[in-house]
Protein backbone atom coordinates (compact mmCIF):
# COMPACT_ATOMS: atom_id res chain seq x y z
CA MET A 1 -15.03 -0.14 -6.69
CA ARG A 2 -18.19 1.07 -8.36
CA VAL A 3 -21.21 1.71 -6.14
CA THR A 4 -24.73 1.60 -7.45
CA ILE A 5 -27.39 4.02 -6.28
CA ILE A 6 -29.33 1.10 -4.77
CA GLU A 7 -26.33 0.16 -2.60
CA LEU A 8 -25.91 3.75 -1.47
CA LYS A 9 -29.61 4.17 -0.64
CA SER A 10 -29.52 1.06 1.54
CA ASN A 11 -26.41 2.39 3.30
CA GLU A 12 -27.86 5.87 3.85
CA SER A 13 -30.22 4.42 6.45
CA ASN A 14 -27.13 3.18 8.31
CA PHE A 15 -25.57 6.65 8.13
CA GLN A 16 -28.61 8.80 8.80
CA ASN A 17 -26.86 11.31 11.08
CA LEU A 18 -23.81 11.62 8.85
CA THR A 19 -26.01 12.06 5.79
CA GLN A 20 -27.94 14.87 7.48
CA CYS A 21 -24.79 16.50 8.87
CA CYS A 22 -22.49 16.42 5.90
CA GLY A 23 -23.92 14.36 3.07
CA LYS A 24 -24.32 17.43 0.88
CA PHE A 25 -20.55 17.92 0.76
CA PHE A 26 -19.68 14.56 -0.85
CA ASP A 27 -20.64 12.55 -3.90
CA GLU A 28 -22.04 9.02 -3.56
CA ASN A 29 -18.68 7.21 -3.72
CA GLU A 30 -17.06 9.61 -1.26
CA LYS A 31 -19.97 9.18 1.16
CA LEU A 32 -19.81 5.41 0.99
CA TYR A 33 -16.05 5.40 1.65
CA LEU A 34 -15.96 8.16 4.25
CA PHE A 35 -19.07 7.25 6.22
CA SER A 36 -18.29 3.54 6.42
CA THR A 37 -14.70 4.28 7.46
CA LEU A 38 -15.70 6.77 10.16
CA VAL A 39 -18.39 4.46 11.56
CA ALA A 40 -15.91 1.57 11.63
CA TRP A 41 -13.45 3.75 13.57
CA THR A 42 -15.91 5.32 15.99
CA GLY A 43 -18.42 2.51 16.42
CA SER A 44 -21.61 4.29 15.39
CA ASP A 45 -23.16 6.81 13.06
CA ILE A 46 -23.82 9.15 15.99
CA LYS A 47 -20.22 9.04 17.23
CA ALA A 48 -18.90 9.51 13.69
CA THR A 49 -21.11 12.58 13.30
CA GLN A 50 -19.86 13.95 16.61
CA TRP A 51 -16.27 13.42 15.46
CA PHE A 52 -16.98 15.15 12.16
CA GLN A 53 -18.49 18.18 13.87
CA SER A 54 -16.31 18.58 16.95
CA GLU A 55 -12.92 16.82 16.68
CA THR A 56 -10.28 19.37 15.78
CA ILE A 57 -7.56 18.34 13.36
CA SER A 58 -4.19 19.83 14.23
CA ALA A 59 -2.91 19.37 10.67
CA PHE A 60 -5.56 21.89 9.59
CA GLY A 61 -4.98 24.50 12.23
CA GLY A 62 -7.48 23.09 14.71
CA LYS A 63 -10.42 23.08 12.30
CA THR A 64 -12.94 20.26 12.30
CA ALA A 65 -13.79 18.17 9.26
CA PHE A 66 -17.15 19.97 9.15
CA GLN A 67 -15.47 23.38 9.10
CA LEU A 68 -13.16 22.25 6.29
CA CYS A 69 -16.11 21.05 4.23
CA LYS A 70 -17.94 24.35 4.74
CA LYS A 71 -14.85 26.04 3.26
CA ASP A 72 -14.91 23.77 0.15
CA GLN A 73 -12.03 21.63 1.40
CA THR A 74 -13.73 18.25 1.14
CA ASP A 75 -10.74 16.83 -0.73
CA ALA A 76 -8.54 17.64 2.27
CA VAL A 77 -10.89 15.71 4.56
CA ILE A 78 -10.84 12.64 2.29
CA LYS A 79 -7.04 12.80 1.95
CA TYR A 80 -6.67 13.13 5.72
CA ILE A 81 -8.86 10.09 6.39
CA ARG A 82 -6.97 8.03 3.78
CA HIS A 83 -3.67 9.12 5.33
CA ILE A 84 -4.78 7.98 8.79
CA GLU A 85 -6.20 4.76 7.36
CA ARG A 86 -2.78 3.94 5.87
CA GLY A 87 -1.15 4.37 9.27
CA GLY A 88 -0.15 8.02 9.03
CA PHE A 89 -0.06 10.31 12.01
CA ALA A 90 -2.95 12.60 12.83
């Protein structure tokens, strides 16, 4: 799926908190996938941001998605979300 910049800009207003929190870590396609998935799971942009910043992930030694991204492990976050989305265990 190819996303145009216009589509992303319109979606950024829906993901304002996520964009401010962690938008700098991901490219446009990653943001569209990750943010829409997290909001669908949590119910809101605010709750998705809270998850990103505070929910520890046991598979990564108790680090949060935010901590992983700060350590240049954004690929691990994307892979983890895709794994869970396909029915894998957390």
